[in-house]
C-alpha atoms as a PDB file:
ATOM      1  CA  MET A   1       0.393   0.038   0.067  1.00  0.00           C
ATOM      2  CA  THR A   2       1.344   3.498  -1.038  1.00  0.00           C
ATOM      3  CA  ALA A   3       1.593   6.208   1.386  1.00  0.00           C
ATOM      4  CA  ALA A   4      -1.028   7.790  -0.882  1.00  0.00           C
ATOM      5  CA  SER A   5      -3.466   5.403  -0.710  1.00  0.00           C
ATOM      6  CA  ARG A   6      -2.937   5.326   3.144  1.00  0.00           C
ATOM      7  CA  THR A   7      -3.933   8.855   3.191  1.00  0.00           C
ATOM      8  CA  THR A   8      -7.582  10.112   3.867  1.00  0.00           C
ATOM      9  CA  LEU A   9      -9.005  11.458   0.640  1.00  0.00           C
ATOM     10  CA  TYR A  10     -11.347  13.985   2.304  1.00  0.00           C
ATOM     11  CA  SER A  11      -8.717  15.743   3.881  1.00  0.00           C
ATOM     12  CA  PRO A  12      -9.054  19.050   5.820  1.00  0.00           C
ATOM     13  CA  GLN A  13      -6.985  20.417   3.806  1.00  0.00           C
ATOM     14  CA  MET A  14      -8.613  19.628   0.866  1.00  0.00           C
ATOM     15  CA  LEU A  15     -12.243  20.516   1.935  1.00  0.00           C
ATOM     16  CA  ALA A  16     -10.665  23.555   2.948  1.00  0.00           C
ATOM     17  CA  LEU A  17     -10.063  24.355  -0.967  1.00  0.00           C
ATOM     18  CA  ALA A  18     -13.746  23.826  -1.710  1.00  0.00           C
ATOM     19  CA  VAL A  19     -14.442  26.998   0.373  1.00  0.00           C
ATOM     20  CA  GLU A  20     -12.262  29.006  -1.742  1.00  0.00           C
ATOM     21  CA  LEU A  21     -14.719  28.607  -4.726  1.00  0.00           C
ATOM     22  CA  ALA A  22     -17.073  30.861  -2.532  1.00  0.00           C
ATOM     23  CA  ASP A  23     -14.816  33.736  -4.154  1.00  0.00           C
ATOM     24  CA  ILE A  24     -14.966  32.496  -7.557  1.00  0.00           C
ATOM     25  CA  SER A  25     -18.572  32.989  -8.940  1.00  0.00           C
ATOM     26  CA  LEU A  26     -19.655  32.333 -12.361  1.00  0.00           C
ATOM     27  CA  ASP A  27     -20.190  35.658 -14.502  1.00  0.00           C
ATOM     28  CA  PRO A  28     -22.824  34.170 -17.107  1.00  0.00           C
ATOM     29  CA  HIS A  29     -22.026  37.557 -19.324  1.00  0.00           C
ATOM     30  CA  ALA A  30     -18.599  36.310 -19.434  1.00  0.00           C
ATOM     31  CA  PRO A  31     -17.136  36.724 -22.901  1.00  0.00           C
ATOM     32  CA  HIS A  32     -15.582  33.396 -23.069  1.00  0.00           C
ATOM     33  CA  SER A  33     -17.374  30.295 -21.756  1.00  0.00           C
ATOM     34  CA  GLY A  34     -16.753  26.620 -21.290  1.00  0.00           C
ATOM     35  CA  GLU A  35     -18.314  23.837 -19.902  1.00  0.00           C
ATOM     36  CA  VAL A  36     -17.090  20.258 -19.255  1.00  0.00           C
ATOM     37  CA  ARG A  37     -18.791  16.970 -17.674  1.00  0.00           C
ATOM     38  CA  SER A  38     -16.881  14.001 -16.046  1.00  0.00           C
ATOM     39  CA  ARG A  39     -17.595  10.863 -18.030  1.00  0.00           C
ATOM     40  CA  THR A  40     -17.009   8.899 -14.929  1.00  0.00           C
ATOM     41  CA  CYS A  41     -19.136  10.714 -12.046  1.00  0.00           C
ATOM     42  CA  GLY A  42     -21.052  13.571 -13.531  1.00  0.00           C
ATOM     43  CA  SER A  43     -19.386  16.459 -11.854  1.00  0.00           C
ATOM     44  CA  THR A  44     -19.893  19.066 -14.156  1.00  0.00           C
ATOM     45  CA  LEU A  45     -17.871  22.636 -14.375  1.00  0.00           C
ATOM     46  CA  ALA A  46     -18.621  25.680 -15.998  1.00  0.00           C
ATOM     47  CA  ILE A  47     -16.015  28.637 -16.563  1.00  0.00           C
ATOM     48  CA  GLY A  48     -16.332  32.081 -17.819  1.00  0.00           C
ATOM     49  CA  CYS A  49     -13.324  34.490 -18.029  1.00  0.00           C
ATOM     50  CA  THR A  50     -11.984  37.368 -20.013  1.00  0.00           C
ATOM     51  CA  ILE A  51      -8.688  37.477 -21.866  1.00  0.00           C
ATOM     52  CA  ASP A  52      -6.203  40.014 -22.703  1.00  0.00           C
ATOM     53  CA  GLY A  53      -4.827  41.141 -25.699  1.00  0.00           C
ATOM     54  CA  ALA A  54      -2.121  38.383 -25.719  1.00  0.00           C
ATOM     55  CA  GLY A  55      -5.006  35.656 -25.158  1.00  0.00           C
ATOM     56  CA  ALA A  56      -3.962  34.724 -21.602  1.00  0.00           C
ATOM     57  CA  ILE A  57      -6.739  34.595 -19.115  1.00  0.00           C
ATOM     58  CA  SER A  58      -7.448  38.164 -17.151  1.00  0.00           C
ATOM     59  CA  SER A  59     -10.494  37.178 -14.872  1.00  0.00           C
ATOM     60  CA  ILE A  60     -11.995  33.696 -14.055  1.00  0.00           C
ATOM     61  CA  GLY A  61     -15.220  32.645 -12.498  1.00  0.00           C
ATOM     62  CA  MET A  62     -16.415  29.351 -12.363  1.00  0.00           C
ATOM     63  CA  LYS A  63     -19.741  27.053 -11.250  1.00  0.00           C
ATOM     64  CA  VAL A  64     -18.678  23.651  -9.915  1.00  0.00           C
ATOM     65  CA  ARG A  65     -20.965  20.777  -9.297  1.00  0.00           C
ATOM     66  CA  ALA A  66     -18.503  18.340  -8.319  1.00  0.00           C
ATOM     67  CA  CYS A  67     -17.233  16.300  -5.074  1.00  0.00           C
ATOM     68  CA  ALA A  68     -14.814  17.736  -2.545  1.00  0.00           C
ATOM     69  CA  VAL A  69     -12.095  16.418  -4.808  1.00  0.00           C
ATOM     70  CA  GLY A  70     -13.127  18.223  -8.060  1.00  0.00           C
ATOM     71  CA  GLN A  71     -14.136  21.559  -5.752  1.00  0.00           C
ATOM     72  CA  ALA A  72     -10.118  21.406  -4.394  1.00  0.00           C
ATOM     73  CA  ALA A  73      -8.838  20.903  -8.036  1.00  0.00           C
ATOM     74  CA  ALA A  74     -11.363  24.000  -9.310  1.00  0.00           C
ATOM     75  CA  ALA A  75      -9.921  26.593  -6.142  1.00  0.00           C
ATOM     76  CA  ILE A  76      -5.853  24.828  -7.310  1.00  0.00           C
ATOM     77  CA  PHE A  77      -6.702  26.139 -11.148  1.00  0.00           C
ATOM     78  CA  ALA A  78      -8.611  28.969 -10.242  1.00  0.00           C
ATOM     79  CA  GLY A  79      -5.520  30.014  -7.601  1.00  0.00           C
ATOM     80  CA  ASP A  80      -2.633  30.374 -11.011  1.00  0.00           C
ATOM     81  CA  ALA A  81      -5.087  30.624 -14.317  1.00  0.00           C
ATOM     82  CA  VAL A  82      -4.878  34.159 -14.369  1.00  0.00           C
ATOM     83  CA  GLY A  83      -2.064  34.898 -17.072  1.00  0.00           C
ATOM     84  CA  ARG A  84      -1.957  31.494 -18.166  1.00  0.00           C
ATOM     85  CA  ASN A  85      -2.961  31.363 -22.055  1.00  0.00           C
ATOM     86  CA  PHE A  86      -4.119  27.979 -24.522  1.00  0.00           C
ATOM     87  CA  ALA A  87      -0.742  26.538 -24.801  1.00  0.00           C
ATOM     88  CA  ASP A  88       0.186  26.777 -21.309  1.00  0.00           C
ATOM     89  CA  LEU A  89      -3.175  25.041 -20.264  1.00  0.00           C
ATOM     90  CA  GLU A  90      -3.094  22.589 -22.850  1.00  0.00           C
ATOM     91  CA  ALA A  91       0.494  21.495 -21.110  1.00  0.00           C
ATOM     92  CA  ALA A  92      -0.702  21.370 -18.037  1.00  0.00           C
ATOM     93  CA  GLU A  93      -3.974  19.450 -18.708  1.00  0.00           C
ATOM     94  CA  ARG A  94      -1.445  16.741 -20.405  1.00  0.00           C
ATOM     95  CA  SER A  95       0.811  16.685 -17.683  1.00  0.00           C
ATOM     96  CA  ILE A  96      -1.880  16.570 -15.199  1.00  0.00           C
ATOM     97  CA  ALA A  97      -3.784  13.617 -16.982  1.00  0.00           C
ATOM     98  CA  ALA A  98      -0.012  11.671 -17.123  1.00  0.00           C
ATOM     99  CA  TRP A  99       0.451  12.027 -13.549  1.00  0.00           C
ATOM    100  CA  LEU A 100      -2.907  10.668 -12.792  1.00  0.00           C
ATOM    101  CA  SER A 101      -2.733   7.778 -14.847  1.00  0.00           C
ATOM    102  CA  SER A 102       0.628   6.898 -13.912  1.00  0.00           C
ATOM    103  CA  GLY A 103       1.855   8.441 -11.180  1.00  0.00           C
ATOM    104  CA  GLY A 104       5.492   9.885 -11.262  1.00  0.00           C
ATOM    105  CA  GLU A 105       6.663  13.225 -11.115  1.00  0.00           C
ATOM    106  CA  LEU A 106       4.539  16.021  -9.680  1.00  0.00           C
ATOM    107  CA  PRO A 107       3.134  18.398 -12.759  1.00  0.00           C
ATOM    108  CA  ASP A 108       4.591  21.846 -12.268  1.00  0.00           C
ATOM    109  CA  TRP A 109       0.793  23.849 -11.006  1.00  0.00           C
ATOM    110  CA  PRO A 110       0.952  25.331  -7.575  1.00  0.00           C
ATOM    111  CA  ARG A 111      -0.839  23.274  -5.010  1.00  0.00           C
ATOM    112  CA  LEU A 112      -1.572  20.529  -6.968  1.00  0.00           C
ATOM    113  CA  GLY A 113       0.367  18.311  -4.295  1.00  0.00           C
ATOM    114  CA  MET A 114      -2.755  18.420  -2.369  1.00  0.00           C
ATOM    115  CA  LEU A 115      -4.449  16.703  -4.810  1.00  0.00           C
ATOM    116  CA  GLU A 116      -2.103  13.786  -4.858  1.00  0.00           C
ATOM    117  CA  PRO A 117      -4.409  11.416  -1.861  1.00  0.00           C
ATOM    118  CA  ALA A 118      -6.800  11.194  -4.906  1.00  0.00           C
ATOM    119  CA  LEU A 119      -4.181   9.191  -7.279  1.00  0.00           C
ATOM    120  CA  PRO A 120      -5.511   5.675  -6.408  1.00  0.00           C
ATOM    121  CA  HIS A 121      -8.994   6.970  -6.970  1.00  0.00           C
ATOM    122  CA  GLN A 122      -9.270   6.577 -10.697  1.00  0.00           C
ATOM    123  CA  GLY A 123     -13.058   7.262 -10.613  1.00  0.00           C
ATOM    124  CA  ARG A 124     -12.159  11.370  -9.461  1.00  0.00           C
ATOM    125  CA  HIS A 125      -9.070  11.586 -11.926  1.00  0.00           C
ATOM    126  CA  GLU A 126     -11.591  13.390 -14.759  1.00  0.00           C
ATOM    127  CA  ALA A 127     -13.479  15.653 -11.727  1.00  0.00           C
ATOM    128  CA  ILE A 128      -9.801  16.751 -11.168  1.00  0.00           C
ATOM    129  CA  LEU A 129      -9.100  17.683 -14.695  1.00  0.00           C
ATOM    130  CA  LEU A 130     -12.410  19.386 -15.018  1.00  0.00           C
ATOM    131  CA  PRO A 131     -10.968  22.893 -14.885  1.00  0.00           C
ATOM    132  CA  TRP A 132      -8.514  22.771 -17.099  1.00  0.00           C
ATOM    133  CA  ARG A 133     -10.513  21.144 -20.028  1.00  0.00           C
ATOM    134  CA  ALA A 134     -13.466  23.532 -19.029  1.00  0.00           C
ATOM    135  CA  ALA A 135     -11.062  26.498 -19.701  1.00  0.00           C
ATOM    136  CA  LEU A 136      -9.507  24.874 -22.603  1.00  0.00           C
ATOM    137  CA  ASP A 137     -12.773  24.534 -23.933  1.00  0.00           C
ATOM    138  CA  ALA A 138     -13.480  28.538 -23.549  1.00  0.00           C
ATOM    139  CA  LEU A 139      -9.888  29.271 -25.046  1.00  0.00           C
ATOM    140  CA  SER A 140     -10.050  26.863 -27.848  1.00  0.00           C
ATOM    141  CA  LYS A 141     -13.285  29.112 -28.715  1.00  0.00           C
ATOM    142  CA  GLU A 142     -11.161  32.481 -28.855  1.00  0.00           C
ATOM    143  CA  THR A 143      -8.292  30.402 -30.917  1.00  0.00           C
ATOM    144  CA  ALA A 144     -10.741  29.551 -33.500  1.00  0.00           C
ATOM    145  CA  SER A 145     -11.968  32.885 -33.912  1.00  0.00           C
ATOM    146  CA  ARG A 146      -8.487  34.144 -34.460  1.00  0.00           C
END
């Protein structure tokens, strides 16, 4: 049994992250929006954002209907999404998906290590990826219009 599987999934630290979402409300009139749904658990995440002249996120809001793991992932994402562009988020999503599927080195995203207790819980992996995928959905609409 690995240290991660012995760790409590819903730790106080993970549950505390979900509280951060109260400050990240979705603006239904945001100029760029995306929404995704987890095939494994049914969690959903809608994102609205504004983008600066360089194509990077300048403000963000979300509506998250997910377990505490998905909520924690959304808070972690939102805490460092501003200033990121499509390529940044695409690279992050790929590295996080690889980390979730095979373990290995922790991807470079602040506070992502707080989600390590979810690694052995494959049913939670899509919920973790929701914010990155929703942002890519929103930004791909922007990229396509350029």
